[in-house]
Amino acid sequence: MRSLALVGALMAGFGVAGATGAAAATDAAVKPAVVGATAPVSWGACPPATLAGVPADEVKLYSCARYRVPIDHDNSSLGTIDIALLKRAARTPAARVGSLFLNPGGPGGSGLQMPISGPFIFQPPVLDRFDLIGFDPRGVGDSNPLRCFTTQEDAEEVFGAQVAVPLSRPQISATLASYRDYGQFCKNNAGSLLNHMSTKDVVRDLDTLRAAVGDRKLTYVGFSYGTLIGSTYTSMFPKQSRAIVIDGNVDPKLRTSDGVEYDRQRAQGFEIALDGFLKRCDQVGPKCAFSDGSPRAKFDELREYLRKQPITLPGSEPLDISTFTGAVSSILYSPSRFPALAEDLQALYTAIHPAGAQAQTLQARGLKALTAGQQGLADQTPDSPYTSDDSYFAVNCSDKPFKISQEQVPDIAAKWERESRTFGRYQAFADTAGCPVWPAKKPDVYRGPWQAKTDVPVVVVGNYYDPATQYKFAQRMAAQLGNSRLLSVDAFGHCILGDALGVDKAVADYLTDLKVPANGQVFQPNVQPFETAAAPAQG
């Protein structure tokens, strides 16, 4: 199974102690890239596979490029890497404002094809007036992927030893040892890029790309971890920031100063989202298949049962506590999957409380949502090339300082489990266990200050029940930035653009015409969980 880090693929992650406040003090000396003095991007045709699924009449809007940047922006002797770019041209060139750079988060999320999804995220005026530009950040996807393994077999051997929710002493020991092995493979194989994967490095690439496409100021939309890219950019280059939208926000100060506490609060965020799901299930009644009785009590009983033994339904693999916890955490990102989650939970609950014909009916079907999605070596030939990348840990373990030893993780997990019963241990062994043994050496990290004043306020968007980046993080992001507007959404799921019409219209006005939305607005999503009709007019 792929690394535990990727079980929470869009979760914002972690780090080792790197650059100190002294390094941050030198960031004022970082000069922004200058249009004209920066080599321009040379756009050309995209490979056909990149545009698979794009309507034939829209293919002409797209072009691709590779742009060379230094591995170390302060030391050219280390060599260069190429950043992969994809552009969707503005539909109304005469009204074009400029370029809109996009990042999906991760870290390690490929942003290259995000412009293809533009019509599902943005209102028509944005598509008319901006070139949408997606890119794979350094070390990700098509941008010189950072790889710790040479073969898939090696990766499987390391990751196969990890247990997402290790309860026994052998499981805990094996999981911690696998992270040490992971770090050793990275030290041996990742090369010089390993020490240059911080968000600051990505932001300096982004500023170079801004100038290379001819924009004097950056227009940017970032999701999840992409909010750290956006806030780091506005802090390092406030006068080069035109319009910045960040959705699903991290707490930048906490994330870059105390990785352990940040991860503890992330676990709490998942608990808040889970509790919200169970309460909503109870409120909607029969629309939620898990609503009979007390959803909260039933869920807790299921979780405790799975801590002791797996449950097997016909047509499904045995479901253990690790798969269950990982799947629930993933589903909380996507409210559209809540009905299927509720059906699975009820089927599992009925399986441990069998009673007549209803139980037989529920058990007769396999699980819909709570599946592992496992991939293993069964279909791989021996020593097949390793084609994934290890940017998730590389970025997180650069940005987030962990002032602990790995030996402390079991005690930390036990403590978090007492306050976040479902996700505390999972969070500790999915994130916190790896970075104390990560081999990056003194990465150059931006750790603040965050209050630089941009000419136009940054728009910060946060859902009340965002699992991966809890709503308090959005509030803190807005408070820490020097000039911001907070748009709140009474919604579940991780990030919201494209799914809340009121927010989408406000963001479109902001991006195109710099119309700043009023602070403190609360919006509704287009659809609430367990509903199919659109929500009423936005707030």
Protein backbone atom coordinates (compact mmCIF):
# COMPACT_ATOMS: atom_id res chain seq x y z
CA MET A 1 0.00 0.00 0.00
CA ARG A 2 1.20 3.51 -0.79
CA SER A 3 2.76 5.58 2.00
CA LEU A 4 0.61 6.50 4.96
CA ALA A 5 1.45 10.07 4.12
CA LEU A 6 -0.64 9.72 1.00
CA VAL A 7 -3.66 8.23 2.80
CA GLY A 8 -4.37 11.84 3.66
CA ALA A 9 -3.15 13.02 0.30
CA LEU A 10 -4.63 16.52 0.47
CA MET A 11 -3.90 16.91 4.14
CA ALA A 12 -1.49 19.67 4.98
CA GLY A 13 1.47 17.87 6.65
CA PHE A 14 4.59 18.39 8.78
CA GLY A 15 8.44 19.06 9.07
CA VAL A 16 11.80 19.02 10.84
CA ALA A 17 13.60 21.87 12.49
CA GLY A 18 15.16 23.89 9.70
CA ALA A 19 15.82 27.57 9.15
CA THR A 20 15.42 29.74 12.21
CA GLY A 21 14.10 33.25 12.68
CA ALA A 22 17.47 34.53 11.55
CA ALA A 23 16.84 33.10 8.11
CA ALA A 24 13.42 34.74 7.97
CA ALA A 25 15.03 38.07 8.72
CA THR A 26 17.02 37.86 5.51
CA ASP A 27 13.96 37.38 3.31
CA ALA A 28 13.61 41.11 2.88
CA ALA A 29 16.75 40.85 0.74
CA VAL A 30 15.04 38.48 -1.72
CA LYS A 31 14.38 40.58 -4.79
CA PRO A 32 11.25 40.01 -6.87
CA ALA A 33 11.65 38.87 -10.45
CA VAL A 34 11.35 41.64 -13.04
CA VAL A 35 9.31 41.45 -16.24
CA GLY A 36 11.64 41.94 -19.19
CA ALA A 37 14.72 40.94 -17.24
CA THR A 38 13.32 37.43 -16.75
CA ALA A 39 13.44 34.99 -19.67
CA PRO A 40 9.91 34.53 -21.05
CA VAL A 41 8.03 31.23 -21.08
CA SER A 42 8.07 29.59 -24.50
CA TRP A 43 4.62 28.07 -25.00
CA GLY A 44 3.96 25.22 -27.41
CA ALA A 45 1.53 22.41 -28.13
CA CYS A 46 0.55 20.08 -25.29
CA PRO A 47 1.03 16.32 -25.56
CA PRO A 48 -2.31 14.80 -26.64
CA ALA A 49 -2.52 12.69 -23.48
CA THR A 50 -2.40 15.84 -21.35
CA LEU A 51 -5.58 17.15 -22.98
CA ALA A 52 -7.48 13.87 -22.98
CA GLY A 53 -11.12 14.63 -22.33
CA VAL A 54 -10.92 18.29 -23.38
CA PRO A 55 -13.73 19.13 -25.86
CA ALA A 56 -12.38 19.34 -29.39
CA ASP A 57 -13.49 22.95 -29.84
CA GLU A 58 -11.51 23.98 -26.72
CA VAL A 59 -8.18 22.27 -27.46
CA LYS A 60 -7.01 25.45 -29.20
CA LEU A 61 -7.16 27.28 -25.85
CA TYR A 62 -4.40 25.14 -24.34
CA SER A 63 -0.63 25.28 -24.57
CA CYS A 64 2.20 23.79 -22.53
CA ALA A 65 5.76 24.66 -21.57
CA ARG A 66 8.70 23.77 -19.40
CA TYR A 67 10.56 26.53 -17.57
CA ARG A 68 13.99 26.17 -16.03
CA VAL A 69 14.68 27.37 -12.49
CA PRO A 70 17.67 26.88 -10.19
CA ILE A 71 17.55 24.15 -7.56
CA ASP A 72 18.84 26.75 -5.12
CA HIS A 73 17.90 30.34 -5.98
CA ASP A 74 20.94 31.54 -4.02
CA ASN A 75 23.48 29.07 -5.38
CA SER A 76 23.37 28.39 -9.10
CA SER A 77 26.17 25.82 -8.88
CA LEU A 78 23.70 23.16 -7.71
CA GLY A 79 22.11 23.05 -11.14
CA THR A 80 18.57 23.47 -12.44
CA ILE A 81 15.19 21.76 -12.67
CA ASP A 82 12.33 22.23 -15.13
CA ILE A 83 8.83 23.31 -14.03
CA ALA A 84 5.98 21.89 -16.12
CA LEU A 85 3.27 24.43 -17.08
CA LEU A 86 -0.12 24.29 -18.79
CA LYS A 87 -2.10 27.35 -19.91
CA ARG A 88 -5.76 27.74 -20.79
CA ALA A 89 -5.95 31.02 -22.71
CA ALA A 90 -8.50 33.70 -21.84
CA ARG A 91 -11.65 33.28 -23.95
CA THR A 92 -11.89 37.03 -24.59
CA PRO A 93 -8.35 38.19 -25.37
CA ALA A 94 -9.38 41.84 -25.77
CA ALA A 95 -10.58 41.90 -22.15
CA ARG A 96 -7.68 39.88 -20.76
CA VAL A 97 -6.46 40.95 -17.31
CA GLY A 98 -3.46 38.65 -17.07
CA SER A 99 -2.56 35.20 -15.78
CA LEU A 100 -4.21 33.33 -12.90
CA PHE A 101 -1.88 30.80 -11.28
CA LEU A 102 -3.48 27.79 -9.56
CA ASN A 103 -2.32 25.31 -6.93
CA PRO A 104 -4.40 22.37 -5.59
CA GLY A 105 -2.53 21.77 -2.34
CA GLY A 106 -1.08 18.55 -1.00
CA PRO A 107 1.74 19.27 -0.65
CA GLY A 108 2.64 17.16 -3.62
CA GLY A 109 -0.58 17.75 -5.52
CA SER A 110 -0.11 18.06 -9.27
CA GLY A 111 -1.47 21.39 -10.45
CA LEU A 112 -0.56 20.94 -14.10
CA GLN A 113 -4.05 20.09 -15.33
CA MET A 114 -6.01 22.37 -13.02
CA PRO A 115 -6.85 24.81 -15.85
CA ILE A 116 -8.80 22.00 -17.52
CA SER A 117 -11.08 22.00 -14.45
CA GLY A 118 -11.43 25.78 -14.59
CA PRO A 119 -15.05 25.74 -15.83
CA PHE A 120 -16.03 23.68 -12.77
CA ILE A 121 -14.33 26.06 -10.33
CA PHE A 122 -14.71 29.59 -11.71
CA GLN A 123 -17.49 31.81 -12.99
CA PRO A 124 -17.47 32.70 -16.74
CA PRO A 125 -15.91 36.18 -16.32
CA VAL A 126 -12.78 34.57 -14.86
CA LEU A 127 -12.50 32.19 -17.81
CA ASP A 128 -13.07 35.07 -20.22
CA ARG A 129 -10.46 37.41 -18.79
CA PHE A 130 -7.60 35.27 -17.46
CA ASP A 131 -5.12 32.81 -18.80
CA LEU A 132 -5.42 29.99 -16.27
CA ILE A 133 -1.97 28.56 -15.53
CA GLY A 134 -1.42 25.26 -13.80
CA PHE A 135 2.00 23.98 -12.82
CA ASP A 136 3.58 21.09 -11.00
CA PRO A 137 5.66 22.57 -8.18
CA ARG A 138 9.28 21.50 -7.93
CA GLY A 139 9.70 17.83 -7.13
CA VAL A 140 6.11 17.03 -8.08
CA GLY A 141 4.66 15.15 -11.05
CA ASP A 142 6.26 16.38 -14.28
CA SER A 143 8.55 18.91 -12.56
CA ASN A 144 11.62 16.82 -11.80
CA PRO A 145 9.81 14.49 -9.37
CA LEU A 146 11.69 13.91 -6.15
CA ARG A 147 12.00 10.15 -5.76
CA CYS A 148 13.38 8.26 -2.81
CA PHE A 149 13.21 4.83 -4.45
CA THR A 150 14.51 3.39 -7.68
CA THR A 151 12.10 0.45 -7.78
CA GLN A 152 8.47 -0.06 -6.83
CA GLU A 153 9.53 -3.20 -4.99
CA ASP A 154 11.66 -1.19 -2.55
CA ALA A 155 8.84 1.28 -1.98
CA GLU A 156 6.34 -1.49 -1.31
CA GLU A 157 8.64 -3.16 1.16
CA VAL A 158 9.00 0.05 3.15
CA PHE A 159 5.41 1.25 2.99
CA GLY A 160 3.99 -2.23 3.46
CA ALA A 161 5.38 -2.26 7.00
CA GLN A 162 3.34 0.77 8.01
CA VAL A 163 0.08 0.49 9.94
CA ALA A 164 -2.18 3.54 9.87
CA VAL A 165 -3.56 2.98 13.38
CA PRO A 166 -0.95 0.82 15.12
CA LEU A 167 -2.23 -0.52 18.45
CA SER A 168 0.15 -3.32 19.42
CA ARG A 169 3.80 -2.89 20.29
CA PRO A 170 4.96 -4.83 17.19
CA GLN A 171 2.76 -2.67 14.93
CA ILE A 172 4.10 0.52 16.49
CA SER A 173 7.73 -0.63 16.23
CA ALA A 174 7.35 -1.73 12.60
CA THR A 175 5.68 1.54 11.60
CA LEU A 176 8.36 3.69 13.21
CA ALA A 177 11.10 1.55 11.67
CA SER A 178 9.53 1.92 8.23
CA TYR A 179 9.80 5.69 8.48
CA ARG A 180 13.47 5.37 9.39
CA ASP A 181 13.97 3.14 6.35
CA TYR A 182 12.07 5.67 4.24
CA GLY A 183 14.38 8.45 5.37
CA GLN A 184 17.44 6.35 4.55
CA PHE A 185 16.20 5.63 1.03
CA CYS A 186 15.58 9.35 0.54
CA LYS A 187 19.04 10.22 1.78
CA ASN A 188 20.55 7.73 -0.66
CA ASN A 189 18.47 8.50 -3.76
CA ALA A 190 16.75 11.89 -3.73
CA GLY A 191 19.78 14.03 -4.56
CA SER A 192 20.36 17.73 -3.91
CA LEU A 193 16.73 18.68 -4.51
CA LEU A 194 15.88 17.07 -1.14
CA ASN A 195 17.27 20.11 0.71
CA HIS A 196 15.41 22.61 -1.49
CA MET A 197 11.74 21.58 -1.24
CA SER A 198 10.43 24.19 1.19
CA THR A 199 7.43 26.38 0.45
CA LYS A 200 9.82 29.31 0.24
CA ASP A 201 11.60 27.55 -2.63
CA VAL A 202 8.24 27.02 -4.37
CA VAL A 203 7.28 30.67 -3.85
CA ARG A 204 10.52 31.87 -5.41
CA ASP A 205 9.80 29.65 -8.40
CA LEU A 206 6.29 31.10 -8.57
CA ASP A 207 7.57 34.67 -8.53
CA THR A 208 9.94 33.83 -11.37
CA LEU A 209 7.06 32.29 -13.33
CA ARG A 210 4.95 35.40 -12.72
CA ALA A 211 7.55 37.58 -14.39
CA ALA A 212 8.21 34.98 -17.09
CA VAL A 213 4.57 35.14 -18.29
CA GLY A 214 4.74 38.94 -18.32
CA ASP A 215 2.70 39.79 -15.19
CA ARG A 216 3.99 42.59 -12.98
CA LYS A 217 1.79 41.35 -10.13
CA LEU A 218 0.59 37.88 -9.18
CA THR A 219 -3.03 36.73 -9.38
CA TYR A 220 -3.34 33.39 -7.61
CA VAL A 221 -5.86 30.88 -6.23
CA GLY A 222 -4.58 28.21 -3.86
CA PHE A 223 -6.32 25.39 -2.04
CA SER A 224 -5.34 23.59 1.17
CA TYR A 225 -1.52 23.56 1.37
CA GLY A 226 -1.71 26.02 -1.54
CA THR A 227 -2.88 28.57 1.04
CA LEU A 228 0.60 28.41 2.60
CA ILE A 229 2.08 29.13 -0.82
CA GLY A 230 -0.27 32.11 -1.19
CA SER A 231 0.34 33.52 2.28
CA THR A 232 4.11 33.03 1.97
CA TYR A 233 4.04 34.85 -1.36
CA THR A 234 2.10 37.83 0.03
CA SER A 235 4.49 37.98 2.97
CA MET A 236 7.65 37.83 0.88
CA PHE A 237 6.38 39.82 -2.11
CA PRO A 238 3.48 42.00 -0.91
CA LYS A 239 3.93 44.64 -3.63
CA GLN A 240 3.92 41.98 -6.34
CA SER A 241 0.57 40.57 -5.09
CA ARG A 242 -2.40 41.68 -7.21
CA ALA A 243 -5.28 39.40 -6.09
CA ILE A 244 -4.82 36.32 -3.91
CA VAL A 245 -7.59 33.86 -2.99
CA ILE A 246 -6.83 31.07 -0.51
CA ASP A 247 -9.41 28.36 0.26
CA GLY A 248 -9.11 25.66 2.95
CA ASN A 249 -6.50 27.48 5.00
CA VAL A 250 -3.61 26.35 7.12
CA ASP A 251 -2.50 28.32 10.17
CA PRO A 252 0.81 29.59 8.75
CA LYS A 253 2.35 30.72 12.01
CA LEU A 254 1.59 27.50 13.89
CA ARG A 255 2.47 25.25 10.96
CA THR A 256 5.92 26.77 10.53
CA SER A 257 6.72 27.08 14.24
CA ASP A 258 5.41 23.91 15.95
CA GLY A 259 4.70 20.85 13.84
CA VAL A 260 3.57 18.70 16.77
CA GLU A 261 0.93 21.14 17.96
CA TYR A 262 -0.20 21.80 14.41
CA ASP A 263 -0.81 18.09 13.83
CA ARG A 264 -2.59 17.77 17.17
CA GLN A 265 -5.01 20.51 16.11
CA ARG A 266 -5.44 18.87 12.71
CA ALA A 267 -6.67 15.73 14.45
CA GLN A 268 -9.11 17.90 16.38
CA GLY A 269 -10.35 19.35 13.09
CA PHE A 270 -11.24 15.90 11.79
CA GLU A 271 -13.08 15.18 15.03
CA ILE A 272 -15.10 18.39 14.63
CA ALA A 273 -16.03 17.43 11.07
CA LEU A 274 -16.97 13.88 12.08
CA ASP A 275 -19.13 15.12 14.93
CA GLY A 276 -20.82 17.54 12.52
CA PHE A 277 -21.53 14.69 10.08
CA LEU A 278 -23.08 12.54 12.82
CA LYS A 279 -25.22 15.40 14.11
CA ARG A 280 -26.39 16.25 10.59
CA CYS A 281 -27.25 12.58 10.05
CA ASP A 282 -29.38 12.64 13.19
CA GLN A 283 -31.08 15.88 12.10
CA VAL A 284 -32.09 14.74 8.60
CA GLY A 285 -33.57 11.46 9.84
CA PRO A 286 -34.41 8.85 7.19
CA LYS A 287 -32.41 10.71 4.51
CA CYS A 288 -29.36 9.37 6.37
CA ALA A 289 -29.20 5.57 6.50
CA PHE A 290 -27.32 5.71 9.82
CA SER A 291 -29.85 7.95 11.60
CA ASP A 292 -31.83 5.34 13.53
CA GLY A 293 -31.01 5.56 17.21
CA SER A 294 -27.95 7.65 18.13
CA PRO A 295 -25.47 8.00 15.24
CA ARG A 296 -22.79 9.18 17.63
CA ALA A 297 -23.14 6.22 19.98
CA LYS A 298 -23.35 3.76 17.09
CA PHE A 299 -20.24 5.16 15.44
CA ASP A 300 -18.27 5.00 18.68
CA GLU A 301 -19.36 1.39 19.21
CA LEU A 302 -18.27 0.50 15.68
CA ARG A 303 -14.88 2.13 16.13
CA GLU A 304 -14.22 0.34 19.41
CA TYR A 305 -15.32 -2.99 17.90
CA LEU A 306 -12.90 -2.50 14.99
CA ARG A 307 -10.05 -1.77 17.37
CA LYS A 308 -10.41 -5.40 18.53
CA GLN A 309 -11.22 -7.24 15.29
CA PRO A 310 -12.12 -6.58 11.65
CA ILE A 311 -15.58 -6.84 10.11
CA THR A 312 -16.15 -8.67 6.83
CA LEU A 313 -19.21 -8.12 4.64
CA PRO A 314 -20.02 -10.27 1.60
CA GLY A 315 -18.17 -9.06 -1.46
CA SER A 316 -15.78 -6.88 0.54
CA GLU A 317 -12.32 -7.31 1.98
CA PRO A 318 -12.06 -7.44 5.79
CA LEU A 319 -12.33 -3.94 7.19
CA ASP A 320 -9.90 -3.19 10.03
CA ILE A 321 -9.47 -0.10 12.16
CA SER A 322 -6.73 1.33 9.92
CA THR A 323 -8.73 1.10 6.70
CA PHE A 324 -11.86 2.31 8.47
CA THR A 325 -10.17 5.39 9.94
CA GLY A 326 -8.39 6.29 6.72
CA ALA A 327 -11.55 5.91 4.65
CA VAL A 328 -13.70 7.96 7.02
CA SER A 329 -11.09 10.73 7.06
CA SER A 330 -11.04 10.75 3.25
CA ILE A 331 -14.83 10.82 2.90
CA LEU A 332 -15.09 13.83 5.23
CA TYR A 333 -13.39 15.83 2.46
CA SER A 334 -16.37 15.25 0.13
CA PRO A 335 -19.95 15.81 1.41
CA SER A 336 -21.38 14.21 -1.72
CA ARG A 337 -20.09 10.89 -0.36
CA PHE A 338 -21.85 11.24 3.01
CA PRO A 339 -24.94 9.19 1.99
CA ALA A 340 -22.75 6.26 0.91
CA LEU A 341 -20.75 6.55 4.13
CA ALA A 342 -23.97 6.44 6.15
CA GLU A 343 -25.12 3.29 4.30
CA ASP A 344 -21.80 1.58 4.97
CA LEU A 345 -21.81 2.52 8.63
CA GLN A 346 -25.32 1.11 9.03
CA ALA A 347 -24.36 -2.09 7.21
CA LEU A 348 -21.39 -2.54 9.53
CA TYR A 349 -23.45 -1.77 12.60
CA THR A 350 -26.07 -4.29 11.51
CA ALA A 351 -23.33 -6.86 10.94
CA ILE A 352 -22.38 -6.73 14.62
CA HIS A 353 -26.06 -6.57 15.67
CA PRO A 354 -27.74 -9.06 13.30
CA ALA A 355 -31.54 -9.10 13.50
CA GLY A 356 -33.69 -10.78 10.89
CA ALA A 357 -34.36 -9.99 7.26
CA GLN A 358 -33.13 -6.38 7.36
CA ALA A 359 -29.74 -7.51 8.58
CA GLN A 360 -29.50 -10.09 5.83
CA THR A 361 -30.36 -7.47 3.20
CA LEU A 362 -27.80 -4.98 4.47
CA GLN A 363 -25.08 -7.57 4.79
CA ALA A 364 -25.77 -8.97 1.33
CA ARG A 365 -24.13 -6.00 -0.37
CA GLY A 366 -20.50 -4.97 -0.19
CA LEU A 367 -19.21 -1.66 1.10
CA LYS A 368 -19.67 1.37 -1.14
CA ALA A 369 -17.39 3.96 0.47
CA LEU A 370 -15.34 2.36 3.22
CA THR A 371 -12.87 0.54 1.00
CA ALA A 372 -9.10 0.61 1.10
CA GLY A 373 -8.38 1.36 -2.55
CA GLN A 374 -5.22 -0.65 -2.06
CA GLN A 375 -2.58 -1.12 -4.69
CA GLY A 376 0.19 -3.62 -4.24
CA LEU A 377 2.97 -5.43 -6.02
CA ALA A 378 0.81 -8.31 -7.22
CA ASP A 379 0.51 -6.69 -10.64
CA GLN A 380 4.06 -5.36 -10.71
CA THR A 381 7.02 -7.09 -12.28
CA PRO A 382 10.10 -7.43 -10.04
CA ASP A 383 12.16 -4.24 -9.87
CA SER A 384 9.63 -2.25 -11.89
CA PRO A 385 10.48 1.48 -11.92
CA TYR A 386 9.20 3.64 -9.11
CA THR A 387 6.96 6.22 -10.77
CA SER A 388 5.49 8.05 -7.78
CA ASP A 389 7.16 10.96 -6.02
CA ASP A 390 7.94 11.74 -2.40
CA SER A 391 7.22 15.45 -2.39
CA TYR A 392 4.60 15.21 0.38
CA PHE A 393 7.13 14.42 3.05
CA ALA A 394 9.84 16.49 1.37
CA VAL A 395 7.81 19.70 1.65
CA ASN A 396 6.23 19.02 5.03
CA CYS A 397 9.44 17.87 6.63
CA SER A 398 11.12 21.05 5.42
CA ASP A 399 8.43 23.50 6.55
CA LYS A 400 7.24 22.12 9.88
CA PRO A 401 9.66 21.98 12.82
CA PHE A 402 9.36 18.88 15.02
CA LYS A 403 11.28 19.41 18.23
CA ILE A 404 10.86 15.80 19.32
CA SER A 405 12.56 12.47 18.78
CA GLN A 406 10.72 9.69 17.02
CA GLU A 407 10.78 7.68 20.26
CA GLN A 408 8.27 10.15 21.73
CA VAL A 409 5.63 9.47 19.07
CA PRO A 410 3.90 6.52 20.82
CA ASP A 411 3.31 8.62 23.95
CA ILE A 412 2.12 11.54 21.81
CA ALA A 413 -0.27 9.22 19.97
CA ALA A 414 -1.68 7.91 23.24
CA LYS A 415 -2.25 11.46 24.49
CA TRP A 416 -3.92 12.62 21.27
CA GLU A 417 -6.08 9.50 21.25
CA ARG A 418 -7.55 10.45 24.61
CA GLU A 419 -8.75 13.81 23.28
CA SER A 420 -9.39 12.83 19.62
CA ARG A 421 -10.53 9.23 19.92
CA THR A 422 -11.06 8.52 16.22
CA PHE A 423 -8.23 10.45 14.57
CA GLY A 424 -5.61 11.21 17.24
CA ARG A 425 -3.51 8.06 16.86
CA TYR A 426 -4.05 8.05 13.10
CA GLN A 427 -2.74 11.61 12.81
CA ALA A 428 0.31 10.90 14.95
CA PHE A 429 1.38 7.90 12.88
CA ALA A 430 0.36 9.36 9.52
CA ASP A 431 2.24 12.64 9.89
CA THR A 432 4.20 13.16 13.07
CA ALA A 433 6.15 9.91 13.00
CA GLY A 434 8.07 10.56 9.80
CA CYS A 435 9.62 13.99 10.01
CA PRO A 436 11.84 13.55 13.08
CA VAL A 437 13.89 11.09 10.99
CA TRP A 438 13.70 12.90 7.65
CA PRO A 439 17.18 13.53 6.18
CA ALA A 440 16.83 17.07 4.78
CA LYS A 441 19.65 19.33 6.00
CA LYS A 442 18.86 22.92 7.02
CA PRO A 443 16.19 23.73 4.42
CA ASP A 444 15.61 27.42 3.73
CA VAL A 445 12.16 28.00 5.24
CA TYR A 446 10.02 31.11 5.53
CA ARG A 447 8.64 31.31 9.09
CA GLY A 448 7.19 34.82 9.07
CA PRO A 449 6.49 37.60 9.68
CA TRP A 450 3.05 37.23 8.03
CA GLN A 451 1.57 40.71 8.41
CA ALA A 452 3.00 42.37 5.27
CA LYS A 453 0.35 44.69 3.85
CA THR A 454 -0.72 43.99 0.29
CA ASP A 455 -2.30 46.76 -1.79
CA VAL A 456 -5.52 44.73 -2.12
CA PRO A 457 -6.82 42.48 0.70
CA VAL A 458 -6.21 38.75 0.43
CA VAL A 459 -9.49 36.79 0.29
CA VAL A 460 -9.51 33.96 2.85
CA VAL A 461 -12.23 31.31 2.50
CA GLY A 462 -13.08 28.77 5.20
CA ASN A 463 -15.72 26.08 5.76
CA TYR A 464 -17.17 25.60 9.22
CA TYR A 465 -16.68 21.81 9.02
CA ASP A 466 -13.49 21.52 6.99
CA PRO A 467 -11.79 18.36 8.31
CA ALA A 468 -8.21 18.86 7.12
CA THR A 469 -7.93 22.60 7.84
CA GLN A 470 -10.39 23.42 10.58
CA TYR A 471 -12.30 26.71 10.50
CA LYS A 472 -10.16 28.21 13.28
CA PHE A 473 -7.20 27.98 10.90
CA ALA A 474 -9.01 30.24 8.40
CA GLN A 475 -9.76 32.71 11.19
CA ARG A 476 -6.11 32.71 12.23
CA MET A 477 -4.90 33.06 8.65
CA ALA A 478 -7.11 36.13 8.18
CA ALA A 479 -5.90 37.60 11.47
CA GLN A 480 -2.22 36.98 10.79
CA LEU A 481 -2.16 38.51 7.31
CA GLY A 482 -1.65 42.23 7.10
CA ASN A 483 -4.66 42.90 4.85
CA SER A 484 -7.40 40.29 4.40
CA ARG A 485 -11.12 39.51 4.14
CA LEU A 486 -12.60 36.33 5.63
CA LEU A 487 -15.47 34.63 3.80
CA SER A 488 -17.04 31.89 5.91
CA VAL A 489 -19.16 29.06 4.55
CA ASP A 490 -21.63 26.95 6.56
CA ALA A 491 -20.40 23.86 4.76
CA PHE A 492 -18.78 20.49 5.16
CA GLY A 493 -15.80 19.27 3.15
CA HIS A 494 -12.32 20.48 2.37
CA CYS A 495 -12.37 23.69 0.29
CA ILE A 496 -15.46 25.14 -1.39
CA LEU A 497 -14.75 27.14 -4.57
CA GLY A 498 -17.02 25.86 -7.32
CA ASP A 499 -19.58 24.60 -4.81
CA ALA A 500 -20.96 27.81 -3.27
CA LEU A 501 -22.39 30.23 -5.81
CA GLY A 502 -22.24 33.27 -3.53
CA VAL A 503 -18.54 32.72 -2.85
CA ASP A 504 -17.87 32.00 -6.51
CA LYS A 505 -19.46 35.29 -7.60
CA ALA A 506 -17.63 37.28 -4.94
CA VAL A 507 -14.33 35.69 -5.97
CA ALA A 508 -15.01 36.37 -9.66
CA ASP A 509 -15.66 40.07 -8.97
CA TYR A 510 -12.52 40.23 -6.85
CA LEU A 511 -10.26 38.53 -9.39
CA THR A 512 -11.51 40.38 -12.45
CA ASP A 513 -12.23 43.88 -11.10
CA LEU A 514 -10.52 43.91 -7.68
CA LYS A 515 -13.91 44.41 -6.04
CA VAL A 516 -13.15 43.55 -2.42
CA PRO A 517 -15.90 41.53 -0.68
CA ALA A 518 -17.27 42.75 2.63
CA ASN A 519 -15.60 41.13 5.60
CA GLY A 520 -17.46 38.66 7.82
CA GLN A 521 -19.97 37.31 5.30
CA VAL A 522 -21.36 33.80 5.84
CA PHE A 523 -22.36 31.86 2.73
CA GLN A 524 -24.22 28.62 2.08
CA PRO A 525 -23.00 25.81 -0.20
CA ASN A 526 -24.99 24.98 -3.31
CA VAL A 527 -26.03 21.69 -1.72
CA GLN A 528 -26.01 20.61 1.90
CA PRO A 529 -25.22 16.99 2.85
CA PHE A 530 -28.07 14.54 2.22
CA GLU A 531 -29.87 17.14 0.07
CA THR A 532 -30.17 17.23 -3.70
CA ALA A 533 -31.71 20.68 -4.29
CA ALA A 534 -29.64 23.84 -4.50
CA ALA A 535 -29.42 25.93 -1.36
CA PRO A 536 -31.32 29.23 -1.09
CA ALA A 537 -29.82 32.53 -2.22
CA GLN A 538 -26.37 33.11 -0.80
CA GLY A 539 -25.71 35.24 2.24
